[in-house]
Amino acid sequence: MHVPCVLGASTCFVLAPVAGGALGSAYGQFVVVGLIAFWCGDVLGAPYFVTGVLAFCVGHAAFVCAFIAKGIAWKRLMAALVPVVIAVVIILRWLLPHVEPPAEIAAVCAYSIVISIMVLAAFGASEGPVGRLILAAAVIIYVSDIFVARWKYVDFGAINGRLCYPLYYTGCLILGMTVVARKCWSTDASPYRERYRYDDSRS
């Protein structure tokens, strides 16, 4: 994917939530910080791998802060703990034998832990319609990174890029749009708010 395309697409997922009023809430501010960190990772990741990984780790940490600001349901988070741990163990057992140079193994492990924490926090914040969007975005980004890792270390086929880029940008845009959805949901004008609140209380 050409650099101008990456810059353009990544800039869009940063500007979209800002235009939607993200800077008016702690949740929105953390989401924007995370997306800006992702923008930096997109720019720096190709020429400077470890620097790019660090930028994405900062982004995931910002998203965790955003989810905490929204509110974490610890019961939901704990219910997802074992499946997420199993998933990251399986992925690392598959991926690590292929990582070259070996100096990048530490960065891969660290990133895997950080993104898994982000997904766990998304599960914790998944209550309500906005929460379900948050979880969907987190899982989509997680899956996109599996294809990125496969592309870099396991199989250099172009199919990985055709899968990882659409997934990645879709996940980032959904996450950015949760700022707008959350803002709309906080108003009393939504005719569906009470119904969904009732449904969520039963889940």
N, C-alpha and C. Protein backbone atom coordinates (compact mmCIF):
# COMPACT_ATOMS: atom_id res chain seq x y z
N MET A 1 0.87 -1.20 0.00
CA MET A 1 0.00 0.00 0.00
C MET A 1 0.89 1.24 0.00
N HIS A 2 0.66 2.16 -0.91
CA HIS A 2 1.53 3.31 -1.05
C HIS A 2 1.39 4.25 0.15
N VAL A 3 2.49 4.93 0.46
CA VAL A 3 2.52 5.82 1.62
C VAL A 3 1.44 6.90 1.55
N PRO A 4 1.20 7.58 0.41
CA PRO A 4 0.13 8.59 0.39
C PRO A 4 -1.23 8.01 0.74
N CYS A 5 -1.49 6.78 0.29
CA CYS A 5 -2.77 6.13 0.61
C CYS A 5 -2.87 5.87 2.10
N VAL A 6 -1.78 5.38 2.70
CA VAL A 6 -1.76 5.11 4.14
C VAL A 6 -1.99 6.40 4.92
N LEU A 7 -1.26 7.45 4.53
CA LEU A 7 -1.40 8.73 5.23
C LEU A 7 -2.82 9.27 5.11
N GLY A 8 -3.39 9.18 3.91
CA GLY A 8 -4.74 9.68 3.72
C GLY A 8 -5.76 8.92 4.52
N ALA A 9 -5.70 7.58 4.47
CA ALA A 9 -6.67 6.76 5.20
C ALA A 9 -6.50 6.92 6.71
N SER A 10 -5.26 6.96 7.17
CA SER A 10 -5.02 7.08 8.61
C SER A 10 -5.43 8.46 9.12
N THR A 11 -5.20 9.48 8.31
CA THR A 11 -5.63 10.83 8.71
C THR A 11 -7.14 10.91 8.82
N CYS A 12 -7.85 10.20 7.94
CA CYS A 12 -9.32 10.19 8.00
C CYS A 12 -9.83 9.59 9.30
N PHE A 13 -9.22 8.48 9.75
CA PHE A 13 -9.76 7.89 10.98
C PHE A 13 -9.40 8.71 12.23
N VAL A 14 -8.44 9.63 12.09
CA VAL A 14 -8.17 10.56 13.20
C VAL A 14 -9.14 11.73 13.16
N LEU A 15 -9.35 12.28 11.97
CA LEU A 15 -10.19 13.48 11.85
C LEU A 15 -11.67 13.19 12.06
N ALA A 16 -12.12 11.99 11.72
CA ALA A 16 -13.55 11.68 11.82
C ALA A 16 -14.09 11.86 13.23
N PRO A 17 -13.48 11.27 14.27
CA PRO A 17 -14.00 11.48 15.62
C PRO A 17 -13.81 12.91 16.12
N VAL A 18 -12.73 13.57 15.69
CA VAL A 18 -12.53 14.97 16.09
C VAL A 18 -13.68 15.82 15.56
N ALA A 19 -14.04 15.59 14.29
CA ALA A 19 -15.16 16.32 13.71
C ALA A 19 -16.47 16.01 14.42
N GLY A 20 -16.55 14.82 15.01
CA GLY A 20 -17.76 14.42 15.72
C GLY A 20 -17.82 14.88 17.16
N GLY A 21 -16.85 15.69 17.58
CA GLY A 21 -16.86 16.23 18.94
C GLY A 21 -16.12 15.41 19.97
N ALA A 22 -15.13 14.62 19.52
CA ALA A 22 -14.42 13.73 20.43
C ALA A 22 -13.70 14.46 21.56
N LEU A 23 -13.23 15.66 21.28
CA LEU A 23 -12.41 16.36 22.27
C LEU A 23 -13.24 16.89 23.43
N GLY A 24 -14.55 16.71 23.38
CA GLY A 24 -15.40 17.21 24.46
C GLY A 24 -15.60 16.24 25.59
N SER A 25 -14.99 15.06 25.54
CA SER A 25 -15.14 14.08 26.62
C SER A 25 -13.83 13.35 26.84
N ALA A 26 -13.64 12.82 28.04
CA ALA A 26 -12.43 12.06 28.33
C ALA A 26 -12.34 10.82 27.43
N TYR A 27 -13.49 10.15 27.24
CA TYR A 27 -13.51 8.98 26.36
C TYR A 27 -13.03 9.36 24.96
N GLY A 28 -13.61 10.41 24.40
CA GLY A 28 -13.24 10.84 23.06
C GLY A 28 -11.79 11.27 22.96
N GLN A 29 -11.29 11.95 23.97
CA GLN A 29 -9.90 12.40 23.95
C GLN A 29 -8.94 11.21 23.92
N PHE A 30 -9.23 10.20 24.75
CA PHE A 30 -8.36 9.01 24.75
C PHE A 30 -8.43 8.27 23.41
N VAL A 31 -9.62 8.19 22.83
CA VAL A 31 -9.75 7.54 21.52
C VAL A 31 -8.92 8.28 20.48
N VAL A 32 -8.99 9.59 20.47
CA VAL A 32 -8.22 10.38 19.50
C VAL A 32 -6.72 10.19 19.73
N VAL A 33 -6.28 10.20 20.99
CA VAL A 33 -4.85 9.96 21.28
C VAL A 33 -4.44 8.60 20.74
N GLY A 34 -5.28 7.59 20.95
CA GLY A 34 -4.97 6.26 20.44
C GLY A 34 -4.88 6.22 18.93
N LEU A 35 -5.80 6.88 18.26
CA LEU A 35 -5.78 6.89 16.80
C LEU A 35 -4.60 7.69 16.25
N ILE A 36 -4.22 8.75 16.95
CA ILE A 36 -3.02 9.49 16.54
C ILE A 36 -1.78 8.61 16.68
N ALA A 37 -1.72 7.83 17.76
CA ALA A 37 -0.61 6.90 17.94
C ALA A 37 -0.60 5.86 16.82
N PHE A 38 -1.79 5.40 16.43
CA PHE A 38 -1.87 4.46 15.30
C PHE A 38 -1.37 5.13 14.02
N TRP A 39 -1.73 6.41 13.82
CA TRP A 39 -1.25 7.16 12.65
C TRP A 39 0.27 7.15 12.63
N CYS A 40 0.87 7.42 13.79
CA CYS A 40 2.34 7.40 13.89
C CYS A 40 2.89 6.02 13.58
N GLY A 41 2.20 4.98 14.09
CA GLY A 41 2.63 3.61 13.81
C GLY A 41 2.55 3.28 12.33
N ASP A 42 1.52 3.77 11.66
CA ASP A 42 1.40 3.53 10.22
C ASP A 42 2.54 4.17 9.45
N VAL A 43 2.96 5.35 9.90
CA VAL A 43 4.03 6.08 9.21
C VAL A 43 5.39 5.48 9.53
N LEU A 44 5.60 5.11 10.78
CA LEU A 44 6.93 4.68 11.23
C LEU A 44 7.15 3.18 11.15
N GLY A 45 6.05 2.41 11.09
CA GLY A 45 6.15 0.96 11.20
C GLY A 45 6.99 0.30 10.13
N ALA A 46 6.86 0.76 8.88
CA ALA A 46 7.60 0.11 7.80
C ALA A 46 9.11 0.33 7.90
N PRO A 47 9.58 1.59 8.03
CA PRO A 47 11.04 1.78 8.09
C PRO A 47 11.63 1.49 9.47
N TYR A 48 10.84 1.66 10.54
CA TYR A 48 11.36 1.49 11.89
C TYR A 48 10.40 0.59 12.68
N PHE A 49 10.61 -0.72 12.57
CA PHE A 49 9.64 -1.68 13.10
C PHE A 49 9.38 -1.51 14.58
N VAL A 50 10.43 -1.48 15.39
CA VAL A 50 10.26 -1.41 16.84
C VAL A 50 9.59 -0.09 17.25
N THR A 51 9.97 1.00 16.59
CA THR A 51 9.32 2.28 16.86
C THR A 51 7.84 2.23 16.52
N GLY A 52 7.52 1.58 15.40
CA GLY A 52 6.12 1.42 15.02
C GLY A 52 5.35 0.59 16.04
N VAL A 53 5.95 -0.49 16.51
CA VAL A 53 5.32 -1.33 17.53
C VAL A 53 5.06 -0.52 18.80
N LEU A 54 6.03 0.29 19.19
CA LEU A 54 5.87 1.12 20.38
C LEU A 54 4.70 2.09 20.20
N ALA A 55 4.58 2.68 19.01
CA ALA A 55 3.48 3.62 18.75
C ALA A 55 2.14 2.91 18.85
N PHE A 56 2.04 1.71 18.31
CA PHE A 56 0.78 0.97 18.40
C PHE A 56 0.48 0.55 19.84
N CYS A 57 1.51 0.23 20.61
CA CYS A 57 1.30 -0.09 22.02
C CYS A 57 0.73 1.11 22.78
N VAL A 58 1.27 2.30 22.48
CA VAL A 58 0.73 3.53 23.08
C VAL A 58 -0.73 3.71 22.68
N GLY A 59 -1.04 3.43 21.42
CA GLY A 59 -2.41 3.53 20.95
C GLY A 59 -3.35 2.60 21.70
N HIS A 60 -2.94 1.36 21.87
CA HIS A 60 -3.78 0.41 22.60
C HIS A 60 -3.94 0.81 24.07
N ALA A 61 -2.88 1.33 24.65
CA ALA A 61 -2.97 1.81 26.04
C ALA A 61 -3.97 2.95 26.16
N ALA A 62 -3.98 3.84 25.17
CA ALA A 62 -4.95 4.95 25.17
C ALA A 62 -6.37 4.42 25.03
N PHE A 63 -6.56 3.40 24.22
CA PHE A 63 -7.89 2.81 24.08
C PHE A 63 -8.35 2.17 25.40
N VAL A 64 -7.44 1.51 26.08
CA VAL A 64 -7.79 0.94 27.39
C VAL A 64 -8.27 2.05 28.33
N CYS A 65 -7.56 3.18 28.32
CA CYS A 65 -7.97 4.32 29.15
C CYS A 65 -9.35 4.82 28.73
N ALA A 66 -9.62 4.83 27.42
CA ALA A 66 -10.93 5.26 26.93
C ALA A 66 -12.02 4.31 27.44
N PHE A 67 -11.76 3.02 27.38
CA PHE A 67 -12.77 2.05 27.81
C PHE A 67 -13.02 2.16 29.32
N ILE A 68 -11.95 2.43 30.06
CA ILE A 68 -12.12 2.64 31.51
C ILE A 68 -12.96 3.89 31.76
N ALA A 69 -12.72 4.95 30.96
CA ALA A 69 -13.50 6.17 31.10
C ALA A 69 -14.97 5.92 30.79
N LYS A 70 -15.25 5.04 29.83
CA LYS A 70 -16.64 4.68 29.53
C LYS A 70 -17.26 3.92 30.67
N GLY A 71 -16.47 3.02 31.26
CA GLY A 71 -16.97 2.18 32.34
C GLY A 71 -16.72 0.72 32.04
N ILE A 72 -16.04 0.05 32.95
CA ILE A 72 -15.71 -1.36 32.78
C ILE A 72 -16.63 -2.22 33.66
N ALA A 73 -17.25 -3.21 33.04
CA ALA A 73 -18.00 -4.22 33.79
C ALA A 73 -17.06 -5.39 34.01
N TRP A 74 -16.54 -5.52 35.21
CA TRP A 74 -15.49 -6.50 35.47
C TRP A 74 -15.96 -7.93 35.26
N LYS A 75 -17.25 -8.18 35.44
CA LYS A 75 -17.78 -9.52 35.20
C LYS A 75 -17.62 -9.90 33.74
N ARG A 76 -17.91 -8.96 32.85
CA ARG A 76 -17.74 -9.21 31.42
C ARG A 76 -16.26 -9.41 31.08
N LEU A 77 -15.39 -8.61 31.66
CA LEU A 77 -13.96 -8.73 31.39
C LEU A 77 -13.44 -10.09 31.84
N MET A 78 -13.81 -10.50 33.04
CA MET A 78 -13.31 -11.76 33.57
C MET A 78 -13.84 -12.95 32.77
N ALA A 79 -15.07 -12.83 32.24
CA ALA A 79 -15.63 -13.91 31.44
C ALA A 79 -14.82 -14.12 30.15
N ALA A 80 -14.19 -13.05 29.68
CA ALA A 80 -13.40 -13.14 28.44
C ALA A 80 -11.94 -13.48 28.70
N LEU A 81 -11.51 -13.49 29.95
CA LEU A 81 -10.09 -13.63 30.27
C LEU A 81 -9.51 -14.93 29.74
N VAL A 82 -10.12 -16.04 30.05
CA VAL A 82 -9.57 -17.34 29.64
C VAL A 82 -9.54 -17.48 28.12
N PRO A 83 -10.63 -17.17 27.40
CA PRO A 83 -10.55 -17.27 25.93
C PRO A 83 -9.47 -16.38 25.31
N VAL A 84 -9.30 -15.17 25.82
CA VAL A 84 -8.29 -14.27 25.26
C VAL A 84 -6.89 -14.80 25.55
N VAL A 85 -6.66 -15.30 26.76
CA VAL A 85 -5.34 -15.86 27.09
C VAL A 85 -5.05 -17.08 26.21
N ILE A 86 -6.03 -17.94 26.02
CA ILE A 86 -5.83 -19.11 25.16
C ILE A 86 -5.50 -18.67 23.74
N ALA A 87 -6.21 -17.65 23.25
CA ALA A 87 -5.98 -17.16 21.89
C ALA A 87 -4.56 -16.64 21.72
N VAL A 88 -4.08 -15.83 22.69
CA VAL A 88 -2.75 -15.25 22.53
C VAL A 88 -1.67 -16.32 22.65
N VAL A 89 -1.89 -17.34 23.49
CA VAL A 89 -0.91 -18.43 23.61
C VAL A 89 -0.83 -19.21 22.30
N ILE A 90 -1.99 -19.51 21.71
CA ILE A 90 -2.00 -20.24 20.43
C ILE A 90 -1.31 -19.43 19.34
N ILE A 91 -1.61 -18.14 19.29
CA ILE A 91 -1.02 -17.28 18.26
C ILE A 91 0.50 -17.20 18.41
N LEU A 92 0.97 -17.02 19.65
CA LEU A 92 2.41 -16.92 19.87
C LEU A 92 3.13 -18.24 19.58
N ARG A 93 2.52 -19.35 19.93
CA ARG A 93 3.13 -20.66 19.63
C ARG A 93 3.24 -20.87 18.12
N TRP A 94 2.27 -20.35 17.38
CA TRP A 94 2.33 -20.45 15.92
C TRP A 94 3.33 -19.47 15.34
N LEU A 95 3.38 -18.24 15.87
CA LEU A 95 4.12 -17.16 15.24
C LEU A 95 5.60 -17.14 15.59
N LEU A 96 5.94 -17.33 16.87
CA LEU A 96 7.30 -17.08 17.33
C LEU A 96 8.37 -17.89 16.59
N PRO A 97 8.12 -19.16 16.23
CA PRO A 97 9.17 -19.88 15.48
C PRO A 97 9.52 -19.24 14.15
N HIS A 98 8.66 -18.36 13.64
CA HIS A 98 8.90 -17.73 12.34
C HIS A 98 9.53 -16.33 12.45
N VAL A 99 9.61 -15.80 13.66
CA VAL A 99 10.06 -14.41 13.82
C VAL A 99 11.56 -14.30 13.55
N GLU A 100 11.89 -13.50 12.59
CA GLU A 100 13.27 -13.19 12.23
C GLU A 100 13.38 -11.69 11.98
N PRO A 101 14.41 -11.03 12.52
CA PRO A 101 15.47 -11.55 13.38
C PRO A 101 14.95 -11.86 14.79
N PRO A 102 15.64 -12.71 15.53
CA PRO A 102 15.20 -13.07 16.87
C PRO A 102 15.08 -11.88 17.81
N ALA A 103 15.80 -10.79 17.50
CA ALA A 103 15.73 -9.59 18.35
C ALA A 103 14.32 -9.00 18.39
N GLU A 104 13.48 -9.35 17.41
CA GLU A 104 12.12 -8.82 17.37
C GLU A 104 11.13 -9.64 18.19
N ILE A 105 11.58 -10.77 18.74
CA ILE A 105 10.68 -11.64 19.50
C ILE A 105 10.11 -10.89 20.71
N ALA A 106 10.95 -10.14 21.41
CA ALA A 106 10.48 -9.41 22.60
C ALA A 106 9.41 -8.39 22.22
N ALA A 107 9.61 -7.69 21.10
CA ALA A 107 8.63 -6.71 20.66
C ALA A 107 7.31 -7.37 20.28
N VAL A 108 7.39 -8.53 19.63
CA VAL A 108 6.18 -9.26 19.24
C VAL A 108 5.42 -9.73 20.47
N CYS A 109 6.13 -10.26 21.45
CA CYS A 109 5.48 -10.73 22.68
C CYS A 109 4.84 -9.57 23.44
N ALA A 110 5.57 -8.46 23.55
CA ALA A 110 5.05 -7.30 24.27
C ALA A 110 3.80 -6.77 23.59
N TYR A 111 3.84 -6.69 22.27
CA TYR A 111 2.69 -6.17 21.54
C TYR A 111 1.49 -7.11 21.69
N SER A 112 1.74 -8.40 21.65
CA SER A 112 0.66 -9.37 21.79
C SER A 112 -0.04 -9.23 23.13
N ILE A 113 0.74 -8.98 24.17
CA ILE A 113 0.16 -8.80 25.51
C ILE A 113 -0.65 -7.51 25.57
N VAL A 114 -0.10 -6.44 25.01
CA VAL A 114 -0.79 -5.14 25.08
C VAL A 114 -2.10 -5.18 24.30
N ILE A 115 -2.10 -5.73 23.09
CA ILE A 115 -3.33 -5.75 22.30
C ILE A 115 -4.35 -6.69 22.94
N SER A 116 -3.88 -7.73 23.62
CA SER A 116 -4.81 -8.63 24.31
C SER A 116 -5.47 -7.92 25.50
N ILE A 117 -4.71 -7.10 26.19
CA ILE A 117 -5.28 -6.30 27.28
C ILE A 117 -6.32 -5.34 26.73
N MET A 118 -6.04 -4.75 25.56
CA MET A 118 -7.01 -3.86 24.94
C MET A 118 -8.31 -4.59 24.62
N VAL A 119 -8.21 -5.80 24.08
CA VAL A 119 -9.41 -6.57 23.76
C VAL A 119 -10.17 -6.93 25.02
N LEU A 120 -9.46 -7.30 26.08
CA LEU A 120 -10.11 -7.59 27.35
C LEU A 120 -10.86 -6.37 27.88
N ALA A 121 -10.22 -5.21 27.81
CA ALA A 121 -10.88 -3.98 28.25
C ALA A 121 -12.11 -3.69 27.40
N ALA A 122 -12.03 -4.01 26.10
CA ALA A 122 -13.19 -3.82 25.22
C ALA A 122 -14.34 -4.73 25.64
N PHE A 123 -14.03 -5.96 26.01
CA PHE A 123 -15.07 -6.85 26.54
C PHE A 123 -15.69 -6.24 27.79
N GLY A 124 -14.85 -5.68 28.63
CA GLY A 124 -15.36 -5.06 29.85
C GLY A 124 -16.23 -3.87 29.59
N ALA A 125 -15.98 -3.17 28.48
CA ALA A 125 -16.74 -1.97 28.13
C ALA A 125 -17.86 -2.25 27.14
N SER A 126 -18.19 -3.53 26.93
CA SER A 126 -19.08 -3.91 25.83
C SER A 126 -20.56 -3.79 26.14
N GLU A 127 -20.91 -3.28 27.31
CA GLU A 127 -22.32 -3.17 27.65
C GLU A 127 -22.99 -2.07 26.82
N GLY A 128 -24.17 -2.34 26.30
CA GLY A 128 -24.93 -1.35 25.54
C GLY A 128 -24.55 -1.34 24.07
N PRO A 129 -25.35 -0.65 23.24
CA PRO A 129 -25.07 -0.59 21.79
C PRO A 129 -23.69 -0.01 21.47
N VAL A 130 -23.29 1.06 22.16
CA VAL A 130 -21.97 1.64 21.92
C VAL A 130 -20.88 0.66 22.34
N GLY A 131 -21.10 -0.03 23.44
CA GLY A 131 -20.14 -1.02 23.90
C GLY A 131 -19.95 -2.14 22.91
N ARG A 132 -21.04 -2.54 22.25
CA ARG A 132 -20.93 -3.60 21.26
C ARG A 132 -20.14 -3.13 20.04
N LEU A 133 -20.26 -1.85 19.70
CA LEU A 133 -19.42 -1.29 18.64
C LEU A 133 -17.95 -1.28 19.05
N ILE A 134 -17.70 -0.91 20.29
CA ILE A 134 -16.32 -0.91 20.81
C ILE A 134 -15.72 -2.31 20.70
N LEU A 135 -16.47 -3.31 21.14
CA LEU A 135 -15.97 -4.68 21.09
C LEU A 135 -15.73 -5.12 19.66
N ALA A 136 -16.66 -4.80 18.77
CA ALA A 136 -16.49 -5.18 17.37
C ALA A 136 -15.23 -4.55 16.79
N ALA A 137 -15.00 -3.28 17.08
CA ALA A 137 -13.81 -2.59 16.57
C ALA A 137 -12.54 -3.23 17.11
N ALA A 138 -12.53 -3.54 18.41
CA ALA A 138 -11.34 -4.13 19.02
C ALA A 138 -11.02 -5.50 18.41
N VAL A 139 -12.04 -6.31 18.22
CA VAL A 139 -11.82 -7.65 17.65
C VAL A 139 -11.36 -7.55 16.20
N ILE A 140 -11.95 -6.63 15.44
CA ILE A 140 -11.54 -6.46 14.05
C ILE A 140 -10.07 -6.03 13.95
N ILE A 141 -9.67 -5.10 14.80
CA ILE A 141 -8.26 -4.66 14.81
C ILE A 141 -7.35 -5.82 15.21
N TYR A 142 -7.79 -6.61 16.18
CA TYR A 142 -7.02 -7.77 16.63
C TYR A 142 -6.80 -8.75 15.47
N VAL A 143 -7.88 -9.06 14.76
CA VAL A 143 -7.78 -10.00 13.63
C VAL A 143 -6.90 -9.42 12.53
N SER A 144 -7.02 -8.12 12.28
CA SER A 144 -6.18 -7.50 11.25
C SER A 144 -4.71 -7.66 11.58
N ASP A 145 -4.37 -7.56 12.87
CA ASP A 145 -2.97 -7.69 13.26
C ASP A 145 -2.46 -9.12 13.12
N ILE A 146 -3.35 -10.10 13.21
CA ILE A 146 -2.93 -11.47 12.95
C ILE A 146 -2.47 -11.60 11.49
N PHE A 147 -3.21 -10.97 10.58
CA PHE A 147 -2.81 -11.01 9.18
C PHE A 147 -1.53 -10.21 8.93
N VAL A 148 -1.35 -9.11 9.68
CA VAL A 148 -0.10 -8.35 9.56
C VAL A 148 1.08 -9.23 9.97
N ALA A 149 0.94 -9.93 11.10
CA ALA A 149 2.01 -10.80 11.59
C ALA A 149 2.28 -11.94 10.61
N ARG A 150 1.22 -12.50 10.07
CA ARG A 150 1.38 -13.57 9.08
C ARG A 150 2.11 -13.06 7.86
N TRP A 151 1.77 -11.84 7.43
CA TRP A 151 2.39 -11.22 6.26
C TRP A 151 3.87 -10.96 6.48
N LYS A 152 4.21 -10.50 7.68
CA LYS A 152 5.60 -10.12 7.96
C LYS A 152 6.49 -11.33 8.20
N TYR A 153 5.96 -12.35 8.88
CA TYR A 153 6.84 -13.43 9.35
C TYR A 153 6.58 -14.80 8.73
N VAL A 154 5.37 -15.07 8.27
CA VAL A 154 5.02 -16.44 7.90
C VAL A 154 4.83 -16.61 6.41
N ASP A 155 3.99 -15.79 5.81
CA ASP A 155 3.63 -15.93 4.40
C ASP A 155 3.61 -14.54 3.79
N PHE A 156 4.46 -14.31 2.80
CA PHE A 156 4.60 -12.98 2.22
C PHE A 156 3.62 -12.71 1.07
N GLY A 157 2.61 -13.57 0.95
CA GLY A 157 1.62 -13.40 -0.11
C GLY A 157 0.81 -12.13 0.04
N ALA A 158 0.44 -11.54 -1.09
CA ALA A 158 -0.30 -10.28 -1.08
C ALA A 158 -1.68 -10.38 -0.46
N ILE A 159 -2.21 -11.62 -0.36
CA ILE A 159 -3.54 -11.79 0.22
C ILE A 159 -3.61 -11.25 1.64
N ASN A 160 -2.50 -11.31 2.37
CA ASN A 160 -2.47 -10.80 3.74
C ASN A 160 -2.74 -9.30 3.77
N GLY A 161 -2.13 -8.56 2.84
CA GLY A 161 -2.37 -7.13 2.77
C GLY A 161 -3.78 -6.80 2.36
N ARG A 162 -4.34 -7.62 1.47
CA ARG A 162 -5.72 -7.39 1.02
C ARG A 162 -6.72 -7.63 2.15
N LEU A 163 -6.32 -8.40 3.13
CA LEU A 163 -7.20 -8.66 4.27
C LEU A 163 -6.92 -7.70 5.43
N CYS A 164 -5.65 -7.48 5.74
CA CYS A 164 -5.32 -6.72 6.95
C CYS A 164 -5.70 -5.24 6.83
N TYR A 165 -5.47 -4.64 5.66
CA TYR A 165 -5.75 -3.21 5.53
C TYR A 165 -7.24 -2.88 5.65
N PRO A 166 -8.12 -3.57 4.92
CA PRO A 166 -9.55 -3.27 5.09
C PRO A 166 -10.04 -3.51 6.51
N LEU A 167 -9.58 -4.58 7.14
CA LEU A 167 -9.98 -4.86 8.52
C LEU A 167 -9.49 -3.77 9.46
N TYR A 168 -8.23 -3.41 9.31
CA TYR A 168 -7.62 -2.41 10.20
C TYR A 168 -8.35 -1.08 10.12
N TYR A 169 -8.56 -0.58 8.90
CA TYR A 169 -9.19 0.73 8.76
C TYR A 169 -10.67 0.69 9.14
N THR A 170 -11.32 -0.43 8.89
CA THR A 170 -12.70 -0.57 9.35
C THR A 170 -12.78 -0.51 10.86
N GLY A 171 -11.89 -1.25 11.54
CA GLY A 171 -11.88 -1.24 13.00
C GLY A 171 -11.60 0.13 13.57
N CYS A 172 -10.64 0.84 12.98
CA CYS A 172 -10.30 2.18 13.47
C CYS A 172 -11.45 3.16 13.26
N LEU A 173 -12.10 3.08 12.10
CA LEU A 173 -13.23 3.97 11.83
C LEU A 173 -14.40 3.68 12.76
N ILE A 174 -14.68 2.40 13.00
CA ILE A 174 -15.76 2.07 13.93
C ILE A 174 -15.45 2.61 15.32
N LEU A 175 -14.21 2.42 15.75
CA LEU A 175 -13.82 2.92 17.07
C LEU A 175 -13.95 4.43 17.13
N GLY A 176 -13.53 5.12 16.08
CA GLY A 176 -13.68 6.57 16.04
C GLY A 176 -15.14 6.99 16.07
N MET A 177 -15.98 6.24 15.38
CA MET A 177 -17.40 6.59 15.33
C MET A 177 -18.14 6.30 16.63
N THR A 178 -17.54 5.48 17.50
CA THR A 178 -18.19 5.25 18.80
C THR A 178 -18.26 6.55 19.60
N VAL A 179 -17.36 7.48 19.31
CA VAL A 179 -17.40 8.78 19.99
C VAL A 179 -18.71 9.50 19.63
N VAL A 180 -19.04 9.48 18.34
CA VAL A 180 -20.27 10.12 17.88
C VAL A 180 -21.48 9.36 18.41
N ALA A 181 -21.43 8.01 18.31
CA ALA A 181 -22.55 7.20 18.78
C ALA A 181 -22.78 7.39 20.27
N ARG A 182 -21.71 7.47 21.03
CA ARG A 182 -21.85 7.66 22.48
C ARG A 182 -22.44 9.03 22.79
N LYS A 183 -22.03 10.02 22.02
CA LYS A 183 -22.56 11.37 22.21
C LYS A 183 -24.06 11.40 21.91
N CYS A 184 -24.47 10.75 20.81
CA CYS A 184 -25.90 10.69 20.47
C CYS A 184 -26.67 9.90 21.50
N TRP A 185 -26.05 8.81 21.97
CA TRP A 185 -26.73 7.93 22.92
C TRP A 185 -26.95 8.64 24.26
N SER A 186 -26.11 9.62 24.57
CA SER A 186 -26.22 10.31 25.86
C SER A 186 -27.36 11.31 25.89
N THR A 187 -27.92 11.61 24.72
CA THR A 187 -29.04 12.54 24.68
C THR A 187 -30.33 11.79 24.93
N ASP A 188 -31.32 12.49 25.42
CA ASP A 188 -32.61 11.87 25.70
C ASP A 188 -33.48 11.78 24.46
N ALA A 189 -32.95 12.25 23.32
CA ALA A 189 -33.76 12.30 22.11
C ALA A 189 -33.90 10.95 21.43
N SER A 190 -33.03 9.99 21.78
CA SER A 190 -33.06 8.71 21.09
C SER A 190 -34.28 7.91 21.51
N PRO A 191 -35.16 7.53 20.56
CA PRO A 191 -36.35 6.77 20.92
C PRO A 191 -36.04 5.33 21.30
N TYR A 192 -34.79 4.87 21.03
CA TYR A 192 -34.42 3.50 21.31
C TYR A 192 -33.66 3.35 22.62
N ARG A 193 -33.34 4.45 23.24
CA ARG A 193 -32.44 4.40 24.38
C ARG A 193 -33.02 3.56 25.53
N GLU A 194 -34.27 3.83 25.88
CA GLU A 194 -34.86 3.10 26.99
C GLU A 194 -35.00 1.62 26.69
N ARG A 195 -35.36 1.29 25.44
CA ARG A 195 -35.52 -0.13 25.09
C ARG A 195 -34.19 -0.86 25.19
N TYR A 196 -33.12 -0.26 24.66
CA TYR A 196 -31.81 -0.91 24.73
C TYR A 196 -31.31 -0.98 26.16
N ARG A 197 -31.59 0.04 26.95
CA ARG A 197 -31.18 0.01 28.34
C ARG A 197 -31.84 -1.17 29.04
N TYR A 198 -33.13 -1.40 28.73
CA TYR A 198 -33.83 -2.51 29.32
C TYR A 198 -33.24 -3.84 28.87
N ASP A 199 -32.93 -3.94 27.54
CA ASP A 199 -32.35 -5.17 27.03
C ASP A 199 -31.00 -5.43 27.68
N ASP A 200 -30.17 -4.39 27.84
CA ASP A 200 -28.85 -4.58 28.41
C ASP A 200 -28.94 -5.03 29.86
N SER A 201 -29.97 -4.60 30.59
CA SER A 201 -30.10 -4.98 31.98
C SER A 201 -30.39 -6.47 32.13
N ARG A 202 -30.86 -7.10 31.04
CA ARG A 202 -31.14 -8.52 31.07
C ARG A 202 -29.98 -9.36 30.62
N SER A 203 -28.95 -8.73 30.03
CA SER A 203 -27.83 -9.47 29.47
C SER A 203 -26.76 -9.74 30.53
